[in-house]
C-alpha atoms as a PDB file:
ATOM      1  CA  MET A   1     -12.343 -31.245  -8.208  1.00  0.00           C
ATOM      2  CA  HIS A   2     -11.840 -32.718  -4.746  1.00  0.00           C
ATOM      3  CA  ARG A   3      -9.026 -31.140  -2.757  1.00  0.00           C
ATOM      4  CA  THR A   4      -7.850 -31.930   0.751  1.00  0.00           C
ATOM      5  CA  PHE A   5      -5.937 -29.933   3.322  1.00  0.00           C
ATOM      6  CA  PHE A   6      -2.839 -31.552   4.709  1.00  0.00           C
ATOM      7  CA  THR A   7       0.126 -30.911   6.896  1.00  0.00           C
ATOM      8  CA  LEU A   8       3.492 -32.578   7.226  1.00  0.00           C
ATOM      9  CA  ALA A   9       6.669 -32.515   9.269  1.00  0.00           C
ATOM     10  CA  ALA A  10       9.907 -33.174   7.393  1.00  0.00           C
ATOM     11  CA  THR A  11      13.423 -33.999   8.467  1.00  0.00           C
ATOM     12  CA  LEU A  12      15.349 -30.844   7.648  1.00  0.00           C
ATOM     13  CA  VAL A  13      18.685 -32.567   7.103  1.00  0.00           C
ATOM     14  CA  SER A  14      17.313 -34.796   4.384  1.00  0.00           C
ATOM     15  CA  ILE A  15      15.817 -31.800   2.588  1.00  0.00           C
ATOM     16  CA  VAL A  16      19.033 -29.806   2.469  1.00  0.00           C
ATOM     17  CA  SER A  17      21.378 -32.736   1.750  1.00  0.00           C
ATOM     18  CA  PRO A  18      22.190 -32.816  -1.993  1.00  0.00           C
ATOM     19  CA  GLY A  19      21.059 -35.843  -3.916  1.00  0.00           C
ATOM     20  CA  HIS A  20      18.460 -36.973  -1.382  1.00  0.00           C
ATOM     21  CA  GLY A  21      14.706 -36.627  -1.350  1.00  0.00           C
ATOM     22  CA  ALA A  22      12.616 -35.430   1.565  1.00  0.00           C
ATOM     23  CA  ASP A  23      12.358 -37.952   4.387  1.00  0.00           C
ATOM     24  CA  PHE A  24       8.998 -37.224   5.972  1.00  0.00           C
ATOM     25  CA  ASP A  25       8.385 -37.887   9.646  1.00  0.00           C
ATOM     26  CA  TRP A  26       4.642 -38.006   9.113  1.00  0.00           C
ATOM     27  CA  VAL A  27       1.807 -36.848   6.870  1.00  0.00           C
ATOM     28  CA  THR A  28      -1.757 -36.238   8.006  1.00  0.00           C
ATOM     29  CA  MET A  29      -4.600 -35.543   5.600  1.00  0.00           C
ATOM     30  CA  GLY A  30      -8.197 -34.475   6.011  1.00  0.00           C
ATOM     31  CA  GLY A  31     -10.910 -32.279   4.588  1.00  0.00           C
ATOM     32  CA  GLY A  32     -14.512 -31.926   3.557  1.00  0.00           C
ATOM     33  CA  ALA A  33     -16.492 -32.563   0.377  1.00  0.00           C
ATOM     34  CA  LYS A  34     -14.364 -30.312  -1.880  1.00  0.00           C
ATOM     35  CA  ASN A  35     -12.399 -27.060  -2.128  1.00  0.00           C
ATOM     36  CA  ASP A  36     -10.533 -27.330   1.187  1.00  0.00           C
ATOM     37  CA  LYS A  37      -7.447 -25.335   2.068  1.00  0.00           C
ATOM     38  CA  THR A  38      -5.076 -24.798   4.971  1.00  0.00           C
ATOM     39  CA  ARG A  39      -4.157 -21.102   5.002  1.00  0.00           C
ATOM     40  CA  ALA A  40      -2.221 -20.820   8.271  1.00  0.00           C
ATOM     41  CA  VAL A  41       0.000 -23.115  10.344  1.00  0.00           C
ATOM     42  CA  THR A  42       1.753 -22.577  13.672  1.00  0.00           C
ATOM     43  CA  VAL A  43       3.451 -24.767  16.284  1.00  0.00           C
ATOM     44  CA  ASP A  44       2.975 -24.324  20.033  1.00  0.00           C
ATOM     45  CA  ARG A  45       5.632 -24.729  22.718  1.00  0.00           C
ATOM     46  CA  GLU A  46       4.873 -28.426  23.135  1.00  0.00           C
ATOM     47  CA  GLY A  47       5.295 -29.142  19.428  1.00  0.00           C
ATOM     48  CA  ASN A  48       1.591 -29.400  18.634  1.00  0.00           C
ATOM     49  CA  VAL A  49       0.548 -28.137  15.203  1.00  0.00           C
ATOM     50  CA  LEU A  50      -2.381 -25.724  14.784  1.00  0.00           C
ATOM     51  CA  LEU A  51      -4.037 -25.352  11.377  1.00  0.00           C
ATOM     52  CA  ALA A  52      -6.604 -22.831  10.140  1.00  0.00           C
ATOM     53  CA  GLY A  53      -8.328 -22.465   6.793  1.00  0.00           C
ATOM     54  CA  GLU A  54     -11.570 -23.464   5.114  1.00  0.00           C
ATOM     55  CA  LEU A  55     -13.455 -26.596   4.132  1.00  0.00           C
ATOM     56  CA  THR A  56     -16.711 -27.445   2.394  1.00  0.00           C
ATOM     57  CA  GLY A  57     -19.196 -29.776   4.022  1.00  0.00           C
ATOM     58  CA  ASP A  58     -18.536 -31.866   7.096  1.00  0.00           C
ATOM     59  CA  GLY A  59     -14.833 -32.064   7.933  1.00  0.00           C
ATOM     60  CA  VAL A  60     -12.632 -34.996   8.900  1.00  0.00           C
ATOM     61  CA  CYS A  61      -9.136 -34.831  10.404  1.00  0.00           C
ATOM     62  CA  GLY A  62      -7.821 -38.236  11.441  1.00  0.00           C
ATOM     63  CA  ASP A  63     -10.557 -39.693  13.654  1.00  0.00           C
ATOM     64  CA  GLN A  64     -11.927 -36.220  14.485  1.00  0.00           C
ATOM     65  CA  LYS A  65     -15.050 -34.899  12.760  1.00  0.00           C
ATOM     66  CA  ALA A  66     -16.695 -31.467  12.585  1.00  0.00           C
ATOM     67  CA  SER A  67     -20.068 -30.533  11.138  1.00  0.00           C
ATOM     68  CA  GLY A  68     -20.154 -27.904   8.406  1.00  0.00           C
ATOM     69  CA  GLY A  69     -22.659 -25.082   8.165  1.00  0.00           C
ATOM     70  CA  GLY A  70     -23.746 -25.760   4.587  1.00  0.00           C
ATOM     71  CA  GLY A  71     -21.307 -23.522   2.704  1.00  0.00           C
ATOM     72  CA  MET A  72     -17.558 -23.038   2.904  1.00  0.00           C
ATOM     73  CA  ASP A  73     -16.626 -22.955   6.593  1.00  0.00           C
ATOM     74  CA  PHE A  74     -13.660 -21.851   8.648  1.00  0.00           C
ATOM     75  CA  PHE A  75     -11.885 -24.679  10.426  1.00  0.00           C
ATOM     76  CA  ILE A  76      -9.261 -24.955  13.131  1.00  0.00           C
ATOM     77  CA  ALA A  77      -7.527 -28.233  13.957  1.00  0.00           C
ATOM     78  CA  LYS A  78      -4.850 -29.308  16.421  1.00  0.00           C
ATOM     79  CA  LEU A  79      -2.404 -32.157  15.822  1.00  0.00           C
ATOM     80  CA  ASP A  80       0.082 -33.583  18.285  1.00  0.00           C
ATOM     81  CA  PRO A  81       3.825 -33.839  17.468  1.00  0.00           C
ATOM     82  CA  THR A  82       3.279 -37.272  15.893  1.00  0.00           C
ATOM     83  CA  GLY A  83       0.583 -35.989  13.510  1.00  0.00           C
ATOM     84  CA  ARG A  84      -2.428 -37.370  15.387  1.00  0.00           C
ATOM     85  CA  CYS A  85      -5.415 -35.022  15.200  1.00  0.00           C
ATOM     86  CA  LEU A  86      -6.486 -34.051  18.727  1.00  0.00           C
ATOM     87  CA  TRP A  87      -9.484 -31.901  17.883  1.00  0.00           C
ATOM     88  CA  MET A  88     -11.142 -29.978  15.075  1.00  0.00           C
ATOM     89  CA  HIS A  89     -13.813 -27.271  15.000  1.00  0.00           C
ATOM     90  CA  THR A  90     -15.629 -25.238  12.367  1.00  0.00           C
ATOM     91  CA  LEU A  91     -17.243 -21.815  12.226  1.00  0.00           C
ATOM     92  CA  GLY A  92     -19.675 -20.765   9.532  1.00  0.00           C
ATOM     93  CA  GLY A  93     -22.974 -21.076   7.772  1.00  0.00           C
ATOM     94  CA  SER A  94     -24.350 -21.151   4.242  1.00  0.00           C
ATOM     95  CA  GLY A  95     -21.884 -18.581   2.820  1.00  0.00           C
ATOM     96  CA  ILE A  96     -18.103 -18.377   2.449  1.00  0.00           C
ATOM     97  CA  ASP A  97     -16.194 -18.301   5.740  1.00  0.00           C
ATOM     98  CA  ARG A  98     -12.396 -18.603   5.979  1.00  0.00           C
ATOM     99  CA  GLY A  99      -9.563 -18.578   8.480  1.00  0.00           C
ATOM    100  CA  TYR A 100      -6.411 -16.667   7.523  1.00  0.00           C
ATOM    101  CA  GLY A 101      -4.228 -16.551  10.626  1.00  0.00           C
ATOM    102  CA  VAL A 102      -3.521 -18.559  13.778  1.00  0.00           C
ATOM    103  CA  VAL A 103      -1.170 -18.033  16.723  1.00  0.00           C
ATOM    104  CA  THR A 104      -0.710 -19.674  20.140  1.00  0.00           C
ATOM    105  CA  ASP A 105       0.251 -18.321  23.555  1.00  0.00           C
ATOM    106  CA  ALA A 106       2.622 -19.721  26.181  1.00  0.00           C
ATOM    107  CA  VAL A 107       0.037 -22.087  27.673  1.00  0.00           C
ATOM    108  CA  GLY A 108      -1.329 -23.375  24.370  1.00  0.00           C
ATOM    109  CA  ASN A 109      -4.427 -21.249  23.797  1.00  0.00           C
ATOM    110  CA  ALA A 110      -5.032 -20.630  20.088  1.00  0.00           C
ATOM    111  CA  TYR A 111      -6.169 -17.339  18.546  1.00  0.00           C
ATOM    112  CA  VAL A 112      -7.502 -17.174  14.991  1.00  0.00           C
ATOM    113  CA  THR A 113      -8.794 -14.560  12.580  1.00  0.00           C
ATOM    114  CA  GLY A 114     -10.465 -14.520   9.195  1.00  0.00           C
ATOM    115  CA  HIS A 115     -13.731 -13.462   7.620  1.00  0.00           C
ATOM    116  CA  PHE A 116     -17.287 -14.743   7.422  1.00  0.00           C
ATOM    117  CA  GLN A 117     -19.942 -13.992   4.818  1.00  0.00           C
ATOM    118  CA  SER A 118     -22.700 -16.154   6.248  1.00  0.00           C
ATOM    119  CA  THR A 119     -25.596 -14.371   7.912  1.00  0.00           C
ATOM    120  CA  ASP A 120     -26.363 -17.663   9.659  1.00  0.00           C
ATOM    121  CA  ALA A 121     -22.807 -18.324  10.862  1.00  0.00           C
ATOM    122  CA  LYS A 122     -22.476 -20.090  14.203  1.00  0.00           C
ATOM    123  CA  VAL A 123     -19.790 -20.890  16.731  1.00  0.00           C
ATOM    124  CA  GLY A 124     -21.368 -23.675  18.741  1.00  0.00           C
ATOM    125  CA  ASP A 125     -24.801 -22.294  19.586  1.00  0.00           C
ATOM    126  CA  GLN A 126     -23.734 -18.652  19.219  1.00  0.00           C
ATOM    127  CA  MET A 127     -24.942 -16.788  16.124  1.00  0.00           C
ATOM    128  CA  LEU A 128     -22.466 -14.293  14.723  1.00  0.00           C
ATOM    129  CA  PRO A 129     -23.872 -10.864  13.791  1.00  0.00           C
ATOM    130  CA  ASN A 130     -23.041  -9.881  10.203  1.00  0.00           C
ATOM    131  CA  ALA A 131     -23.065  -6.182   9.288  1.00  0.00           C
ATOM    132  CA  GLY A 132     -23.048  -6.902   5.548  1.00  0.00           C
ATOM    133  CA  ASP A 133     -21.023  -8.856   2.968  1.00  0.00           C
ATOM    134  CA  TYR A 134     -17.844 -10.220   4.628  1.00  0.00           C
ATOM    135  CA  ASP A 135     -17.022  -9.365   8.253  1.00  0.00           C
ATOM    136  CA  VAL A 136     -13.964  -9.901  10.472  1.00  0.00           C
ATOM    137  CA  PHE A 137     -13.883 -12.508  13.211  1.00  0.00           C
ATOM    138  CA  VAL A 138     -11.350 -13.138  15.991  1.00  0.00           C
ATOM    139  CA  ALA A 139     -11.699 -16.210  18.205  1.00  0.00           C
ATOM    140  CA  LYS A 140      -9.882 -17.903  21.078  1.00  0.00           C
ATOM    141  CA  TYR A 141      -9.720 -21.639  21.758  1.00  0.00           C
ATOM    142  CA  SER A 142      -8.356 -23.418  24.820  1.00  0.00           C
ATOM    143  CA  PRO A 143      -5.603 -26.065  24.522  1.00  0.00           C
ATOM    144  CA  THR A 144      -8.329 -28.734  24.608  1.00  0.00           C
ATOM    145  CA  GLY A 145     -10.365 -27.047  21.849  1.00  0.00           C
ATOM    146  CA  GLU A 146     -12.994 -25.254  23.911  1.00  0.00           C
ATOM    147  CA  GLN A 147     -14.143 -22.076  22.184  1.00  0.00           C
ATOM    148  CA  LEU A 148     -13.573 -19.375  24.824  1.00  0.00           C
ATOM    149  CA  TRP A 149     -14.738 -16.291  22.965  1.00  0.00           C
ATOM    150  CA  VAL A 150     -15.346 -14.844  19.521  1.00  0.00           C
ATOM    151  CA  ARG A 151     -15.484 -11.205  18.425  1.00  0.00           C
ATOM    152  CA  THR A 152     -16.746  -9.765  15.148  1.00  0.00           C
ATOM    153  CA  ALA A 153     -16.224  -6.451  13.364  1.00  0.00           C
ATOM    154  CA  GLY A 154     -17.123  -4.915  10.037  1.00  0.00           C
ATOM    155  CA  GLY A 155     -19.486  -2.894   7.928  1.00  0.00           C
ATOM    156  CA  ALA A 156     -21.340  -3.182   4.640  1.00  0.00           C
ATOM    157  CA  GLY A 157     -18.251  -4.062   2.557  1.00  0.00           C
ATOM    158  CA  TYR A 158     -15.662  -6.812   2.156  1.00  0.00           C
ATOM    159  CA  ASP A 159     -13.809  -6.873   5.489  1.00  0.00           C
ATOM    160  CA  TYR A 160     -11.339  -9.474   6.721  1.00  0.00           C
ATOM    161  CA  GLY A 161      -8.745 -10.210   9.371  1.00  0.00           C
ATOM    162  CA  HIS A 162      -5.562 -11.666   7.889  1.00  0.00           C
ATOM    163  CA  GLY A 163      -2.600 -11.318  10.257  1.00  0.00           C
ATOM    164  CA  ILE A 164      -2.646 -12.145  13.969  1.00  0.00           C
ATOM    165  CA  ALA A 165       0.059 -11.931  16.647  1.00  0.00           C
ATOM    166  CA  LEU A 166       0.459 -11.710  20.420  1.00  0.00           C
ATOM    167  CA  ASP A 167       2.498  -9.116  22.285  1.00  0.00           C
ATOM    168  CA  ARG A 168       4.526  -9.708  25.458  1.00  0.00           C
ATOM    169  CA  LYS A 169       1.528  -8.740  27.609  1.00  0.00           C
ATOM    170  CA  GLY A 170      -0.663 -11.383  25.997  1.00  0.00           C
ATOM    171  CA  ASP A 171      -2.740  -8.886  24.026  1.00  0.00           C
ATOM    172  CA  VAL A 172      -4.010  -9.995  20.619  1.00  0.00           C
ATOM    173  CA  ILE A 173      -3.072  -7.937  17.551  1.00  0.00           C
ATOM    174  CA  VAL A 174      -5.152  -8.371  14.390  1.00  0.00           C
ATOM    175  CA  ALA A 175      -4.568  -6.685  11.026  1.00  0.00           C
ATOM    176  CA  GLY A 176      -6.477  -6.799   7.760  1.00  0.00           C
ATOM    177  CA  ALA A 177      -8.645  -4.608   5.559  1.00  0.00           C
ATOM    178  CA  VAL A 178     -12.106  -3.079   5.530  1.00  0.00           C
ATOM    179  CA  ALA A 179     -14.085  -1.717   2.593  1.00  0.00           C
ATOM    180  CA  GLY A 180     -15.744   1.487   3.714  1.00  0.00           C
ATOM    181  CA  GLU A 181     -16.576   2.225   7.327  1.00  0.00           C
ATOM    182  CA  ALA A 182     -16.435  -0.669   9.776  1.00  0.00           C
ATOM    183  CA  ALA A 183     -17.367  -0.926  13.447  1.00  0.00           C
ATOM    184  CA  PHE A 184     -15.059  -2.525  15.993  1.00  0.00           C
ATOM    185  CA  GLY A 185     -17.155  -2.451  19.127  1.00  0.00           C
ATOM    186  CA  ASN A 186     -17.885   1.238  19.746  1.00  0.00           C
ATOM    187  CA  GLN A 187     -15.011   2.371  17.520  1.00  0.00           C
ATOM    188  CA  THR A 188     -15.233   3.018  13.778  1.00  0.00           C
ATOM    189  CA  VAL A 189     -12.403   2.757  11.270  1.00  0.00           C
ATOM    190  CA  GLY A 190     -12.219   3.199   7.513  1.00  0.00           C
ATOM    191  CA  ALA A 191     -13.803   5.650   5.107  1.00  0.00           C
ATOM    192  CA  LYS A 192     -16.707   5.446   2.695  1.00  0.00           C
ATOM    193  CA  GLY A 193     -15.714   4.267  -0.761  1.00  0.00           C
ATOM    194  CA  ALA A 194     -12.184   3.209   0.197  1.00  0.00           C
ATOM    195  CA  ARG A 195     -10.358  -0.029   0.998  1.00  0.00           C
ATOM    196  CA  CYS A 196      -8.553   0.688   4.239  1.00  0.00           C
ATOM    197  CA  ILE A 197      -5.873  -0.996   6.321  1.00  0.00           C
ATOM    198  CA  PHE A 198      -6.904  -1.733   9.897  1.00  0.00           C
ATOM    199  CA  CYS A 199      -5.151  -2.883  13.047  1.00  0.00           C
ATOM    200  CA  ALA A 200      -6.962  -3.757  16.277  1.00  0.00           C
ATOM    201  CA  LYS A 201      -5.800  -4.821  19.729  1.00  0.00           C
ATOM    202  CA  TYR A 202      -7.774  -7.088  22.048  1.00  0.00           C
ATOM    203  CA  SER A 203      -6.977  -8.304  25.537  1.00  0.00           C
ATOM    204  CA  ALA A 204      -6.504 -12.032  26.126  1.00  0.00           C
ATOM    205  CA  ASP A 205     -10.110 -12.008  27.390  1.00  0.00           C
ATOM    206  CA  GLY A 206     -11.402 -10.528  24.128  1.00  0.00           C
ATOM    207  CA  ASP A 207     -11.919  -6.934  25.255  1.00  0.00           C
ATOM    208  CA  LEU A 208     -11.215  -4.396  22.505  1.00  0.00           C
ATOM    209  CA  LYS A 209      -8.479  -1.965  23.539  1.00  0.00           C
ATOM    210  CA  TRP A 210      -8.279   0.056  20.331  1.00  0.00           C
ATOM    211  CA  ALA A 211      -8.794  -0.064  16.581  1.00  0.00           C
ATOM    212  CA  ARG A 212      -7.068   2.082  13.968  1.00  0.00           C
ATOM    213  CA  GLY A 213      -7.467   2.469  10.221  1.00  0.00           C
ATOM    214  CA  THR A 214      -6.013   4.447   7.357  1.00  0.00           C
ATOM    215  CA  GLU A 215      -7.617   7.815   6.691  1.00  0.00           C
ATOM    216  CA  GLY A 216      -7.638  10.103   3.669  1.00  0.00           C
ATOM    217  CA  ARG A 217      -7.256   9.362  -0.035  1.00  0.00           C
ATOM    218  CA  ILE A 218      -5.388   6.147   0.560  1.00  0.00           C
ATOM    219  CA  GLY A 219      -6.117   2.520  -0.164  1.00  0.00           C
ATOM    220  CA  GLY A 220      -4.532  -0.735   0.855  1.00  0.00           C
ATOM    221  CA  SER A 221      -4.704  -3.888   2.903  1.00  0.00           C
ATOM    222  CA  ALA A 222      -2.753  -5.496   5.734  1.00  0.00           C
ATOM    223  CA  HIS A 223      -1.678  -9.125   5.488  1.00  0.00           C
ATOM    224  CA  GLY A 224       1.062  -9.887   8.011  1.00  0.00           C
ATOM    225  CA  VAL A 225       1.652  -8.562  11.521  1.00  0.00           C
ATOM    226  CA  GLY A 226       4.496  -8.980  14.017  1.00  0.00           C
ATOM    227  CA  VAL A 227       5.416  -7.617  17.448  1.00  0.00           C
ATOM    228  CA  ASP A 228       8.825  -6.786  18.943  1.00  0.00           C
ATOM    229  CA  ALA A 229      10.048  -7.124  22.541  1.00  0.00           C
ATOM    230  CA  ALA A 230       8.819  -3.598  23.369  1.00  0.00           C
ATOM    231  CA  ASN A 231       5.311  -4.448  22.058  1.00  0.00           C
ATOM    232  CA  ASN A 232       5.670  -2.282  18.959  1.00  0.00           C
ATOM    233  CA  ILE A 233       3.622  -3.597  16.046  1.00  0.00           C
ATOM    234  CA  TYR A 234       4.812  -4.097  12.454  1.00  0.00           C
ATOM    235  CA  ILE A 235       2.295  -4.439   9.649  1.00  0.00           C
ATOM    236  CA  GLY A 236       2.942  -5.743   6.147  1.00  0.00           C
ATOM    237  CA  GLY A 237       0.612  -5.371   3.195  1.00  0.00           C
ATOM    238  CA  ASN A 238       0.112  -2.989   0.300  1.00  0.00           C
ATOM    239  CA  VAL A 239      -0.763   0.680  -0.019  1.00  0.00           C
ATOM    240  CA  SER A 240      -1.322   3.491  -2.513  1.00  0.00           C
ATOM    241  CA  GLY A 241      -2.325   7.126  -2.263  1.00  0.00           C
ATOM    242  CA  VAL A 242      -1.965   9.825   0.367  1.00  0.00           C
ATOM    243  CA  GLY A 243      -3.401   9.747   3.875  1.00  0.00           C
ATOM    244  CA  SER A 244      -2.529   8.769   7.428  1.00  0.00           C
ATOM    245  CA  PHE A 245      -2.574   5.979  10.001  1.00  0.00           C
ATOM    246  CA  GLY A 246      -2.643   6.612  13.727  1.00  0.00           C
ATOM    247  CA  GLY A 247      -1.618  10.240  13.189  1.00  0.00           C
ATOM    248  CA  LEU A 248       1.287   9.334  10.885  1.00  0.00           C
ATOM    249  CA  ALA A 249       1.242  10.959   7.437  1.00  0.00           C
ATOM    250  CA  ILE A 250       1.632   8.455   4.585  1.00  0.00           C
ATOM    251  CA  ASP A 251       2.411   9.337   0.964  1.00  0.00           C
ATOM    252  CA  ALA A 252       2.708   6.101  -0.990  1.00  0.00           C
ATOM    253  CA  GLY A 253       2.277   7.503  -4.490  1.00  0.00           C
ATOM    254  CA  LYS A 254      -0.106   6.353  -7.180  1.00  0.00           C
ATOM    255  CA  THR A 255       1.121   2.797  -7.717  1.00  0.00           C
ATOM    256  CA  THR A 256       0.302  -0.038  -5.330  1.00  0.00           C
ATOM    257  CA  SER A 257       3.409  -0.594  -3.221  1.00  0.00           C
ATOM    258  CA  ALA A 258       4.487  -3.147  -0.635  1.00  0.00           C
ATOM    259  CA  LEU A 259       4.074  -1.671   2.847  1.00  0.00           C
ATOM    260  CA  LEU A 260       5.911  -1.940   6.145  1.00  0.00           C
ATOM    261  CA  LEU A 261       4.257   0.116   8.888  1.00  0.00           C
ATOM    262  CA  LYS A 262       5.401   0.462  12.496  1.00  0.00           C
ATOM    263  CA  VAL A 263       2.730   1.190  15.102  1.00  0.00           C
ATOM    264  CA  SER A 264       3.215   1.773  18.832  1.00  0.00           C
ATOM    265  CA  SER A 265       1.569  -0.432  21.450  1.00  0.00           C
ATOM    266  CA  GLU A 266      -1.048   2.316  21.862  1.00  0.00           C
ATOM    267  CA  GLY A 267      -1.904   2.454  18.150  1.00  0.00           C
ATOM    268  CA  LYS A 268       0.158   5.480  17.142  1.00  0.00           C
ATOM    269  CA  GLY A 269       1.778   5.374  13.713  1.00  0.00           C
ATOM    270  CA  GLU A 270       5.579   5.576  14.062  1.00  0.00           C
ATOM    271  CA  TRP A 271       6.984   5.218  10.527  1.00  0.00           C
ATOM    272  CA  PHE A 272       6.314   3.516   7.226  1.00  0.00           C
ATOM    273  CA  ARG A 273       8.316   2.218   4.289  1.00  0.00           C
ATOM    274  CA  SER A 274       6.981   1.369   0.857  1.00  0.00           C
ATOM    275  CA  ILE A 275       8.471  -0.530  -2.069  1.00  0.00           C
ATOM    276  CA  PRO A 276       6.826   0.304  -5.413  1.00  0.00           C
ATOM    277  CA  GLY A 277       6.049  -2.543  -7.785  1.00  0.00           C
ATOM    278  CA  THR A 278       5.537  -2.864 -11.518  1.00  0.00           C
ATOM    279  CA  PRO A 279       2.617  -2.802 -11.669  1.00  0.00           C
ATOM    280  CA  SER A 280       2.147  -3.597  -7.955  1.00  0.00           C
ATOM    281  CA  ALA A 281       3.815  -5.142  -4.892  1.00  0.00           C
ATOM    282  CA  LEU A 282       2.692  -6.795  -1.660  1.00  0.00           C
ATOM    283  CA  SER A 283       4.302  -7.665   1.663  1.00  0.00           C
ATOM    284  CA  HIS A 284       2.454 -10.807   2.716  1.00  0.00           C
ATOM    285  CA  GLU A 285       4.105 -11.940   5.959  1.00  0.00           C
ATOM    286  CA  ILE A 286       6.039 -10.194   8.747  1.00  0.00           C
ATOM    287  CA  SER A 287       8.450 -11.624  11.302  1.00  0.00           C
ATOM    288  CA  VAL A 288      10.385  -9.760  14.006  1.00  0.00           C
ATOM    289  CA  ASP A 289      13.512 -11.441  15.400  1.00  0.00           C
ATOM    290  CA  ALA A 290      15.047 -11.206  18.877  1.00  0.00           C
ATOM    291  CA  GLU A 291      17.206  -8.265  17.789  1.00  0.00           C
ATOM    292  CA  GLY A 292      14.177  -6.263  16.674  1.00  0.00           C
ATOM    293  CA  ARG A 293      14.876  -6.711  12.970  1.00  0.00           C
ATOM    294  CA  THR A 294      11.859  -7.013  10.719  1.00  0.00           C
ATOM    295  CA  TRP A 295      11.715  -9.599   7.967  1.00  0.00           C
END
């Protein structure tokens, strides 16, 4: 079945007014050969729309084209406030490669994260090293679409970056999960035989500042991440078992519960809350408002 990714901007008043249908400002469609999906959307300060996800085959967005790597590839695309596609790029190879999160900074640079399975994955002419199965990637693009840097992390298991945010210093916060031990530069997180939550901080230039993961008899994954005005980090996801994160003891019980975890700007665990589900629960997205409240 052929599926396309799309984005739209709608007039809010027409959506909330009773008895009226949505009055769309614009709709833009695009995609590859099949099985395409937009997984993340954000808007920069100038009203441009950034999309991230996956497509199969060569991709088209408006009059912009991007060559695929032969499998399912990560894509990032930028549209202007009128829905015109400004640029589009892919990352990947013959395997399954996806984008899960995208965020922009004050000057319009875009930061993305996801996972890549391909052992022949490329960004431009740069081959991405794969430690086994799926690995994490984090990449930065300029406002004009130039790929500025890309970083990878992982081990032999299924590892992925899912949530991405920027703090007030411009550092890049990435959260996700690793299966077993995973290398982030010269730092190792995770534990053999366990699915572990991770959080990593990079500078705006792509230098790794720290990486942390759950330890002990605990399993889980991180999905959303947010940052408050004091650069504290809030992670949403799921968790079960007993262990720790950044020196903070965590006892989440035997059932898989929704997780909210607060981490300091230096990677120290501050506190956690869990909400048990029947049979399970998941916190998928996190947002921190101007008053420091977490949603």
